[in-house]
């Protein structure tokens, strides 16, 4: 949730957007576009695909918002739509082509904070290298592990909130996050061991 708005304010904006207020829908977009883009980018690893899927997500939200039953659930509903858009894109692309195992280009997400300019050049390079290792390990995970890990670690959602997004049991979510954490930790450990 945006630090600029309380839960109550978000609910009021959602309620007005549900009734057709374009201004309020644009406010929702300005509040959630960046977090949704980051969530999708971490899932797909491609900036251009993340931009497209973010736009598709908000188009879907705009057309389906009138069907949202509880404005308190908007955030989870929004992330669920974004996740579904990613999975639909993946299913379509798998049907169209096979993925080459020889493809050495692994996309990665820059985890460096905007204020990372205080890092010296060596620290910056090491940080970017570690970011690539983390992103490569995320991309190697099964999608069901990747999405819950990203929601927990990067989006800072609780287990209960994640269950609302992915529609799975609390035990399943906890188990998948644990497995994803182990895989990422192992990848980082291997990388650090080679240094």
Protein backbone atom coordinates (compact mmCIF):
# COMPACT_ATOMS: atom_id res chain seq x y z
CA UNK A 1 0.00 0.00 0.00
CA UNK A 2 1.14 3.50 -0.68
CA UNK A 3 2.50 5.35 2.34
CA UNK A 4 0.82 8.50 1.03
CA UNK A 5 -2.68 7.11 1.49
CA UNK A 6 -4.36 5.33 4.38
CA UNK A 7 -6.36 2.14 3.81
CA UNK A 8 -9.55 4.16 4.25
CA UNK A 9 -8.49 6.72 1.62
CA UNK A 10 -7.60 3.94 -0.82
CA UNK A 11 -11.01 2.35 -0.25
CA UNK A 12 -12.72 5.69 -0.97
CA UNK A 13 -10.72 6.13 -4.19
CA UNK A 14 -11.58 2.56 -5.26
CA UNK A 15 -15.27 3.11 -4.49
CA UNK A 16 -15.35 6.27 -6.62
CA UNK A 17 -13.42 4.60 -9.45
CA UNK A 18 -15.89 1.69 -9.31
CA UNK A 19 -18.69 4.19 -9.91
CA UNK A 20 -16.92 5.43 -13.04
CA UNK A 21 -14.69 8.28 -11.85
CA UNK A 22 -11.84 8.53 -14.36
CA UNK A 23 -9.88 10.84 -12.04
CA UNK A 24 -10.02 8.29 -9.24
CA UNK A 25 -9.03 5.46 -11.55
CA UNK A 26 -6.03 7.56 -12.63
CA UNK A 27 -5.19 8.06 -8.94
CA UNK A 28 -5.27 4.29 -8.45
CA UNK A 29 -3.00 3.92 -11.45
CA UNK A 30 -0.55 6.50 -10.06
CA UNK A 31 -0.53 4.73 -6.67
CA UNK A 32 -0.16 1.16 -7.92
CA UNK A 33 1.47 1.27 -11.38
CA UNK A 34 5.06 1.23 -10.11
CA UNK A 35 4.60 -1.59 -7.54
CA UNK A 36 2.68 -3.69 -10.10
CA UNK A 37 5.34 -3.03 -12.76
CA UNK A 38 8.09 -4.08 -10.31
CA UNK A 39 6.14 -7.21 -9.34
CA UNK A 40 5.66 -8.19 -12.99
CA UNK A 41 9.26 -7.31 -13.92
CA UNK A 42 10.55 -9.62 -11.23
CA UNK A 43 8.27 -12.38 -12.53
CA UNK A 44 9.16 -12.06 -16.22
CA UNK A 45 12.61 -10.45 -16.15
CA UNK A 46 11.96 -8.25 -19.16
CA UNK A 47 11.34 -4.48 -18.92
CA UNK A 48 9.36 -4.30 -22.16
CA UNK A 49 7.19 -7.29 -21.26
CA UNK A 50 6.66 -5.82 -17.79
CA UNK A 51 5.50 -2.52 -19.33
CA UNK A 52 3.08 -4.32 -21.66
CA UNK A 53 1.74 -6.54 -18.90
CA UNK A 54 1.32 -3.61 -16.52
CA UNK A 55 -0.78 -1.83 -19.13
CA UNK A 56 -2.79 -5.00 -19.78
CA UNK A 57 -3.33 -5.40 -16.04
CA UNK A 58 -4.73 -1.91 -15.64
CA UNK A 59 -6.91 -2.26 -18.74
CA UNK A 60 -8.35 -5.42 -17.20
CA UNK A 61 -8.79 -3.67 -13.83
CA UNK A 62 -10.59 -0.78 -15.54
CA UNK A 63 -13.01 -3.09 -17.31
CA UNK A 64 -13.61 -5.37 -14.30
CA UNK A 65 -13.57 -2.87 -11.41
CA UNK A 66 -17.35 -2.65 -11.33
CA UNK A 67 -17.37 -6.39 -10.44
CA UNK A 68 -15.11 -6.02 -7.38
CA UNK A 69 -17.32 -6.92 -4.45
CA UNK A 70 -15.25 -5.58 -1.56
CA UNK A 71 -13.16 -2.41 -1.93
CA UNK A 72 -11.03 -3.58 1.03
CA UNK A 73 -9.76 -6.41 -1.18
CA UNK A 74 -8.65 -4.16 -4.05
CA UNK A 75 -4.89 -4.56 -3.54
CA UNK A 76 -5.05 -8.37 -3.50
CA UNK A 77 -7.44 -8.40 -6.43
CA UNK A 78 -5.07 -6.12 -8.39
CA UNK A 79 -2.03 -8.34 -7.73
CA UNK A 80 -4.08 -11.42 -8.64
CA UNK A 81 -4.99 -9.83 -11.99
CA UNK A 82 -1.34 -8.93 -12.63
CA UNK A 83 -0.26 -12.48 -11.78
CA UNK A 84 -2.93 -13.94 -14.05
CA UNK A 85 -1.87 -11.67 -16.93
CA UNK A 86 1.72 -12.92 -16.53
CA UNK A 87 0.63 -16.57 -16.50
CA UNK A 88 -1.60 -16.08 -19.55
CA UNK A 89 1.30 -14.50 -21.44
CA UNK A 90 3.59 -17.39 -20.43
CA UNK A 91 1.05 -19.99 -21.56
CA UNK A 92 0.59 -18.23 -24.91
CA UNK A 93 4.33 -17.96 -25.50
CA UNK A 94 4.90 -21.61 -24.58
CA UNK A 95 2.31 -22.65 -27.15
CA UNK A 96 3.95 -20.51 -29.84
CA UNK A 97 7.57 -21.45 -29.40
CA UNK A 98 10.05 -23.60 -27.60
CA UNK A 99 12.64 -22.08 -25.33
CA UNK A 100 16.22 -22.73 -26.37
CA UNK A 101 18.44 -24.10 -23.64
CA UNK A 102 21.38 -22.45 -25.37
CA UNK A 103 20.09 -18.94 -24.68
CA UNK A 104 22.79 -17.39 -22.52
CA UNK A 105 21.09 -14.03 -22.15
CA UNK A 106 19.51 -13.99 -18.70
CA UNK A 107 17.52 -10.85 -17.93
CA UNK A 108 17.91 -9.39 -14.47
CA UNK A 109 16.32 -6.75 -12.33
CA UNK A 110 18.35 -3.95 -10.79
CA UNK A 111 17.89 -4.30 -7.05
CA UNK A 112 20.09 -1.30 -6.34
CA UNK A 113 18.30 1.45 -4.51
CA UNK A 114 18.01 4.80 -6.25
CA UNK A 115 20.37 6.25 -3.66
CA UNK A 116 23.09 3.65 -4.38
CA UNK A 117 25.26 6.44 -5.81
CA UNK A 118 27.14 6.54 -2.51
CA UNK A 119 28.63 3.12 -3.30
CA UNK A 120 32.14 3.13 -4.63
CA UNK A 121 32.55 1.66 -8.15
CA UNK A 122 33.76 -1.72 -6.88
CA UNK A 123 30.85 -2.08 -4.43
CA UNK A 124 28.44 -1.07 -7.17
CA UNK A 125 29.80 -3.72 -9.57
CA UNK A 126 29.70 -6.41 -6.86
CA UNK A 127 26.16 -5.41 -5.94
CA UNK A 128 25.03 -5.55 -9.58
CA UNK A 129 26.70 -8.93 -9.99
CA UNK A 130 24.89 -10.26 -6.92
CA UNK A 131 21.64 -8.81 -8.26
CA UNK A 132 22.14 -10.80 -11.46
CA UNK A 133 22.72 -13.99 -9.43
CA UNK A 134 19.53 -13.39 -7.45
CA UNK A 135 17.49 -12.63 -10.57
CA UNK A 136 18.88 -15.67 -12.40
CA UNK A 137 17.96 -17.86 -9.43
CA UNK A 138 14.45 -16.35 -9.43
CA UNK A 139 14.03 -17.02 -13.15
CA UNK A 140 15.11 -20.63 -12.57
CA UNK A 141 12.33 -21.18 -10.02
CA UNK A 142 8.99 -22.65 -10.98
CA UNK A 143 6.45 -19.81 -11.38
CA UNK A 144 4.48 -20.93 -8.31
CA UNK A 145 7.60 -20.48 -6.15
CA UNK A 146 8.73 -17.30 -7.89
CA UNK A 147 5.49 -15.37 -7.45
CA UNK A 148 5.07 -16.10 -3.73
CA UNK A 149 8.76 -15.34 -3.07
CA UNK A 150 8.50 -11.99 -4.86
CA UNK A 151 5.29 -11.10 -3.02
CA UNK A 152 6.90 -11.96 0.33
CA UNK A 153 10.39 -10.54 -0.13
CA UNK A 154 9.97 -7.60 -2.51
CA UNK A 155 6.33 -6.63 -2.00
CA UNK A 156 6.55 -7.27 1.77
CA UNK A 157 3.19 -9.05 1.92
CA UNK A 158 2.30 -11.31 4.85
CA UNK A 159 1.53 -15.01 4.30
CA UNK A 160 -2.18 -14.25 4.74
CA UNK A 161 -2.05 -11.46 2.15
CA UNK A 162 -0.23 -13.74 -0.30
CA UNK A 163 -2.93 -16.41 0.05
CA UNK A 164 -5.46 -13.78 -1.08
CA UNK A 165 -3.40 -13.02 -4.18
CA UNK A 166 -2.52 -16.57 -5.25
CA UNK A 167 -5.65 -18.33 -4.02
CA UNK A 168 -3.79 -21.16 -2.27
CA UNK A 169 -3.76 -22.40 1.31
CA UNK A 170 -1.59 -20.81 3.97
CA UNK A 171 0.42 -24.03 4.33
CA UNK A 172 1.04 -24.20 0.57
CA UNK A 173 2.20 -20.57 0.49
CA UNK A 174 4.53 -21.03 3.48
CA UNK A 175 6.00 -24.20 1.97
CA UNK A 176 6.57 -22.60 -1.43
CA UNK A 177 8.19 -19.50 0.07
CA UNK A 178 10.47 -21.72 2.16
CA UNK A 179 11.52 -23.73 -0.92
CA UNK A 180 12.09 -20.56 -2.94
CA UNK A 181 14.19 -19.04 -0.16
CA UNK A 182 16.33 -22.18 -0.03
CA UNK A 183 16.89 -22.11 -3.79
CA UNK A 184 17.85 -18.42 -3.80
CA UNK A 185 20.05 -18.88 -0.72
CA UNK A 186 21.79 -21.83 -2.41
CA UNK A 187 22.42 -19.79 -5.57
CA UNK A 188 23.86 -16.92 -3.53
CA UNK A 189 25.95 -19.39 -1.49
CA UNK A 190 27.34 -20.95 -4.68
CA UNK A 191 28.14 -17.52 -6.06
CA UNK A 192 29.84 -16.39 -2.84
CA UNK A 193 31.78 -19.67 -2.66
CA UNK A 194 33.20 -19.03 -6.13
CA UNK A 195 34.41 -15.55 -5.17
